[in-house]
PDB file of N, CA and C in Angstrom:
ATOM      1  N   MET A   1       0.833  -1.170   0.000  1.00  0.00           N
ATOM      2  CA  MET A   1       0.000   0.000   0.000  1.00  0.00           C
ATOM      3  C   MET A   1       0.881   1.237   0.000  1.00  0.00           C
ATOM      4  N   PRO A   2       1.038   1.897  -1.112  1.00  0.00           N
ATOM      5  CA  PRO A   2       1.890   3.085  -1.170  1.00  0.00           C
ATOM      6  C   PRO A   2       1.225   4.272  -0.487  1.00  0.00           C
ATOM      7  N   LEU A   3       2.061   5.088   0.142  1.00  0.00           N
ATOM      8  CA  LEU A   3       1.560   6.283   0.798  1.00  0.00           C
ATOM      9  C   LEU A   3       1.614   7.462  -0.163  1.00  0.00           C
ATOM     10  N   ASP A   4       0.624   8.294  -0.096  1.00  0.00           N
ATOM     11  CA  ASP A   4       0.605   9.509  -0.894  1.00  0.00           C
ATOM     12  C   ASP A   4       1.307  10.598  -0.078  1.00  0.00           C
ATOM     13  N   ILE A   5       2.590  10.805  -0.332  1.00  0.00           N
ATOM     14  CA  ILE A   5       3.404  11.708   0.466  1.00  0.00           C
ATOM     15  C   ILE A   5       3.502  13.055  -0.232  1.00  0.00           C
ATOM     16  N   SER A   6       3.187  14.111   0.509  1.00  0.00           N
ATOM     17  CA  SER A   6       3.217  15.459  -0.046  1.00  0.00           C
ATOM     18  C   SER A   6       4.625  16.053   0.056  1.00  0.00           C
ATOM     19  N   ILE A   7       4.806  17.190  -0.565  1.00  0.00           N
ATOM     20  CA  ILE A   7       6.089  17.903  -0.505  1.00  0.00           C
ATOM     21  C   ILE A   7       6.397  18.326   0.928  1.00  0.00           C
ATOM     22  N   TYR A   8       5.376  18.776   1.664  1.00  0.00           N
ATOM     23  CA  TYR A   8       5.561  19.169   3.070  1.00  0.00           C
ATOM     24  C   TYR A   8       6.104  17.998   3.881  1.00  0.00           C
ATOM     25  N   THR A   9       5.546  16.816   3.672  1.00  0.00           N
ATOM     26  CA  THR A   9       6.000  15.630   4.404  1.00  0.00           C
ATOM     27  C   THR A   9       7.445  15.305   4.071  1.00  0.00           C
ATOM     28  N   LEU A  10       7.815  15.385   2.804  1.00  0.00           N
ATOM     29  CA  LEU A  10       9.202  15.116   2.416  1.00  0.00           C
ATOM     30  C   LEU A  10      10.165  16.116   3.037  1.00  0.00           C
ATOM     31  N   ILE A  11       9.785  17.379   3.069  1.00  0.00           N
ATOM     32  CA  ILE A  11      10.642  18.402   3.677  1.00  0.00           C
ATOM     33  C   ILE A  11      10.806  18.139   5.167  1.00  0.00           C
ATOM     34  N   VAL A  12       9.719  17.812   5.855  1.00  0.00           N
ATOM     35  CA  VAL A  12       9.789  17.512   7.292  1.00  0.00           C
ATOM     36  C   VAL A  12      10.680  16.308   7.538  1.00  0.00           C
ATOM     37  N   ILE A  13      10.546  15.271   6.726  1.00  0.00           N
ATOM     38  CA  ILE A  13      11.366  14.067   6.901  1.00  0.00           C
ATOM     39  C   ILE A  13      12.838  14.371   6.676  1.00  0.00           C
ATOM     40  N   ILE A  14      13.160  15.110   5.633  1.00  0.00           N
ATOM     41  CA  ILE A  14      14.566  15.425   5.329  1.00  0.00           C
ATOM     42  C   ILE A  14      15.187  16.284   6.427  1.00  0.00           C
ATOM     43  N   VAL A  15      14.473  17.303   6.868  1.00  0.00           N
ATOM     44  CA  VAL A  15      15.015  18.196   7.900  1.00  0.00           C
ATOM     45  C   VAL A  15      15.176  17.464   9.232  1.00  0.00           C
ATOM     46  N   THR A  16      14.162  16.717   9.646  1.00  0.00           N
ATOM     47  CA  THR A  16      14.270  16.031  10.933  1.00  0.00           C
ATOM     48  C   THR A  16      15.268  14.876  10.887  1.00  0.00           C
ATOM     49  N   ALA A  17      15.426  14.225   9.748  1.00  0.00           N
ATOM     50  CA  ALA A  17      16.445  13.172   9.633  1.00  0.00           C
ATOM     51  C   ALA A  17      17.845  13.769   9.703  1.00  0.00           C
ATOM     52  N   THR A  18      18.022  14.962   9.137  1.00  0.00           N
ATOM     53  CA  THR A  18      19.312  15.646   9.236  1.00  0.00           C
ATOM     54  C   THR A  18      19.605  16.033  10.677  1.00  0.00           C
ATOM     55  N   VAL A  19      18.608  16.555  11.370  1.00  0.00           N
ATOM     56  CA  VAL A  19      18.785  16.904  12.787  1.00  0.00           C
ATOM     57  C   VAL A  19      19.080  15.657  13.599  1.00  0.00           C
ATOM     58  N   GLN A  20      18.407  14.551  13.279  1.00  0.00           N
ATOM     59  CA  GLN A  20      18.642  13.314  14.018  1.00  0.00           C
ATOM     60  C   GLN A  20      20.039  12.766  13.776  1.00  0.00           C
ATOM     61  N   SER A  21      20.545  12.900  12.567  1.00  0.00           N
ATOM     62  CA  SER A  21      21.886  12.384  12.294  1.00  0.00           C
ATOM     63  C   SER A  21      22.954  13.215  12.994  1.00  0.00           C
ATOM     64  N   VAL A  22      22.675  14.471  13.262  1.00  0.00           N
ATOM     65  CA  VAL A  22      23.650  15.329  13.946  1.00  0.00           C
ATOM     66  C   VAL A  22      23.516  15.210  15.462  1.00  0.00           C
ATOM     67  N   PHE A  23      22.289  15.308  15.985  1.00  0.00           N
ATOM     68  CA  PHE A  23      22.080  15.384  17.433  1.00  0.00           C
ATOM     69  C   PHE A  23      21.587  14.091  18.063  1.00  0.00           C
ATOM     70  N   GLY A  24      21.130  13.139  17.283  1.00  0.00           N
ATOM     71  CA  GLY A  24      20.664  11.872  17.829  1.00  0.00           C
ATOM     72  C   GLY A  24      19.163  11.800  18.042  1.00  0.00           C
ATOM     73  N   VAL A  25      18.484  12.924  18.049  1.00  0.00           N
ATOM     74  CA  VAL A  25      17.023  12.955  18.150  1.00  0.00           C
ATOM     75  C   VAL A  25      16.500  13.892  17.083  1.00  0.00           C
ATOM     76  N   GLY A  26      15.294  13.655  16.632  1.00  0.00           N
ATOM     77  CA  GLY A  26      14.762  14.555  15.633  1.00  0.00           C
ATOM     78  C   GLY A  26      13.480  14.077  15.003  1.00  0.00           C
ATOM     79  N   VAL A  27      13.492  12.876  14.455  1.00  0.00           N
ATOM     80  CA  VAL A  27      12.321  12.429  13.700  1.00  0.00           C
ATOM     81  C   VAL A  27      11.110  12.267  14.622  1.00  0.00           C
ATOM     82  N   LEU A  28      11.277  11.563  15.717  1.00  0.00           N
ATOM     83  CA  LEU A  28      10.142  11.401  16.630  1.00  0.00           C
ATOM     84  C   LEU A  28       9.874  12.663  17.432  1.00  0.00           C
ATOM     85  N   LEU A  29      10.921  13.359  17.849  1.00  0.00           N
ATOM     86  CA  LEU A  29      10.757  14.532  18.708  1.00  0.00           C
ATOM     87  C   LEU A  29      10.160  15.717  17.963  1.00  0.00           C
ATOM     88  N   PHE A  30      10.632  15.983  16.758  1.00  0.00           N
ATOM     89  CA  PHE A  30      10.162  17.142  15.996  1.00  0.00           C
ATOM     90  C   PHE A  30       9.235  16.755  14.843  1.00  0.00           C
ATOM     91  N   GLY A  31       9.502  15.623  14.225  1.00  0.00           N
ATOM     92  CA  GLY A  31       8.738  15.226  13.046  1.00  0.00           C
ATOM     93  C   GLY A  31       7.304  14.845  13.343  1.00  0.00           C
ATOM     94  N   THR A  32       7.093  14.135  14.449  1.00  0.00           N
ATOM     95  CA  THR A  32       5.735  13.711  14.780  1.00  0.00           C
ATOM     96  C   THR A  32       4.795  14.897  15.002  1.00  0.00           C
ATOM     97  N   PRO A  33       5.162  15.882  15.837  1.00  0.00           N
ATOM     98  CA  PRO A  33       4.253  17.030  15.997  1.00  0.00           C
ATOM     99  C   PRO A  33       4.048  17.820  14.707  1.00  0.00           C
ATOM    100  N   LEU A  34       5.094  17.979  13.912  1.00  0.00           N
ATOM    101  CA  LEU A  34       4.942  18.718  12.660  1.00  0.00           C
ATOM    102  C   LEU A  34       4.020  17.998  11.686  1.00  0.00           C
ATOM    103  N   LEU A  35       4.147  16.687  11.613  1.00  0.00           N
ATOM    104  CA  LEU A  35       3.265  15.925  10.728  1.00  0.00           C
ATOM    105  C   LEU A  35       1.848  15.835  11.282  1.00  0.00           C
ATOM    106  N   LEU A  36       1.698  15.852  12.605  1.00  0.00           N
ATOM    107  CA  LEU A  36       0.357  15.856  13.181  1.00  0.00           C
ATOM    108  C   LEU A  36      -0.382  17.150  12.856  1.00  0.00           C
ATOM    109  N   LEU A  37       0.357  18.235  12.689  1.00  0.00           N
ATOM    110  CA  LEU A  37      -0.281  19.486  12.283  1.00  0.00           C
ATOM    111  C   LEU A  37      -0.910  19.367  10.899  1.00  0.00           C
ATOM    112  N   GLN A  38      -0.323  18.554  10.055  1.00  0.00           N
ATOM    113  CA  GLN A  38      -0.850  18.387   8.708  1.00  0.00           C
ATOM    114  C   GLN A  38      -1.925  17.300   8.635  1.00  0.00           C
ATOM    115  N   TYR A  39      -1.651  16.132   9.207  1.00  0.00           N
ATOM    116  CA  TYR A  39      -2.540  14.984   9.033  1.00  0.00           C
ATOM    117  C   TYR A  39      -3.627  14.864  10.096  1.00  0.00           C
ATOM    118  N   GLU A  40      -3.398  15.362  11.281  1.00  0.00           N
ATOM    119  CA  GLU A  40      -4.347  15.372  12.387  1.00  0.00           C
ATOM    120  C   GLU A  40      -4.666  14.001  12.977  1.00  0.00           C
ATOM    121  N   LYS A  41      -4.079  12.936  12.464  1.00  0.00           N
ATOM    122  CA  LYS A  41      -4.306  11.607  13.030  1.00  0.00           C
ATOM    123  C   LYS A  41      -2.973  10.909  13.248  1.00  0.00           C
ATOM    124  N   LEU A  42      -2.820  10.371  14.439  1.00  0.00           N
ATOM    125  CA  LEU A  42      -1.588   9.670  14.774  1.00  0.00           C
ATOM    126  C   LEU A  42      -1.436   8.394  13.951  1.00  0.00           C
ATOM    127  N   THR A  43      -2.546   7.779  13.577  1.00  0.00           N
ATOM    128  CA  THR A  43      -2.484   6.541  12.792  1.00  0.00           C
ATOM    129  C   THR A  43      -1.965   6.784  11.374  1.00  0.00           C
ATOM    130  N   LEU A  44      -2.022   8.011  10.890  1.00  0.00           N
ATOM    131  CA  LEU A  44      -1.451   8.335   9.586  1.00  0.00           C
ATOM    132  C   LEU A  44       0.010   8.753   9.685  1.00  0.00           C
ATOM    133  N   VAL A  45       0.405   9.262  10.843  1.00  0.00           N
ATOM    134  CA  VAL A  45       1.769   9.764  11.029  1.00  0.00           C
ATOM    135  C   VAL A  45       2.729   8.634  11.395  1.00  0.00           C
ATOM    136  N   LEU A  46       2.303   7.722  12.231  1.00  0.00           N
ATOM    137  CA  LEU A  46       3.203   6.660  12.704  1.00  0.00           C
ATOM    138  C   LEU A  46       3.774   5.785  11.598  1.00  0.00           C
ATOM    139  N   PRO A  47       3.009   5.384  10.571  1.00  0.00           N
ATOM    140  CA  PRO A  47       3.624   4.582   9.496  1.00  0.00           C
ATOM    141  C   PRO A  47       4.688   5.346   8.705  1.00  0.00           C
ATOM    142  N   ILE A  48       4.678   6.658   8.781  1.00  0.00           N
ATOM    143  CA  ILE A  48       5.696   7.461   8.098  1.00  0.00           C
ATOM    144  C   ILE A  48       6.933   7.602   8.973  1.00  0.00           C
ATOM    145  N   VAL A  49       6.735   7.862  10.258  1.00  0.00           N
ATOM    146  CA  VAL A  49       7.821   8.237  11.164  1.00  0.00           C
ATOM    147  C   VAL A  49       8.576   7.028  11.733  1.00  0.00           C
ATOM    148  N   LEU A  50       7.869   5.993  12.121  1.00  0.00           N
ATOM    149  CA  LEU A  50       8.521   4.865  12.798  1.00  0.00           C
ATOM    150  C   LEU A  50       9.540   4.102  11.949  1.00  0.00           C
ATOM    151  N   PRO A  51       9.283   3.814  10.674  1.00  0.00           N
ATOM    152  CA  PRO A  51      10.330   3.128   9.895  1.00  0.00           C
ATOM    153  C   PRO A  51      11.600   3.961   9.745  1.00  0.00           C
ATOM    154  N   ILE A  52      11.461   5.265   9.692  1.00  0.00           N
ATOM    155  CA  ILE A  52      12.643   6.133   9.593  1.00  0.00           C
ATOM    156  C   ILE A  52      13.457   6.062  10.870  1.00  0.00           C
ATOM    157  N   CYS A  53      12.786   6.027  12.017  1.00  0.00           N
ATOM    158  CA  CYS A  53      13.488   5.959  13.301  1.00  0.00           C
ATOM    159  C   CYS A  53      14.196   4.621  13.482  1.00  0.00           C
ATOM    160  N   ILE A  54      13.598   3.562  12.993  1.00  0.00           N
ATOM    161  CA  ILE A  54      14.218   2.248  13.121  1.00  0.00           C
ATOM    162  C   ILE A  54      15.481   2.164  12.259  1.00  0.00           C
ATOM    163  N   ILE A  55      15.423   2.755  11.067  1.00  0.00           N
ATOM    164  CA  ILE A  55      16.570   2.723  10.162  1.00  0.00           C
ATOM    165  C   ILE A  55      17.735   3.522  10.715  1.00  0.00           C
ATOM    166  N   GLU A  56      17.452   4.686  11.266  1.00  0.00           N
ATOM    167  CA  GLU A  56      18.539   5.533  11.767  1.00  0.00           C
ATOM    168  C   GLU A  56      18.850   5.109  13.157  1.00  0.00           C
TER     169      GLU A  56
END
């Protein structure tokens, strides 16, 4: 099931992944609230954020 990812989501992922690679935290700490502002449901945000956190 492919996700329909917007430009905003890609920008949030790239910026928070960069912050996470430098400081060790970022995707869950900053990415989740930013994506919740757009999607409004945690069930839509978690499939985007959690695989990124596991990889890094």
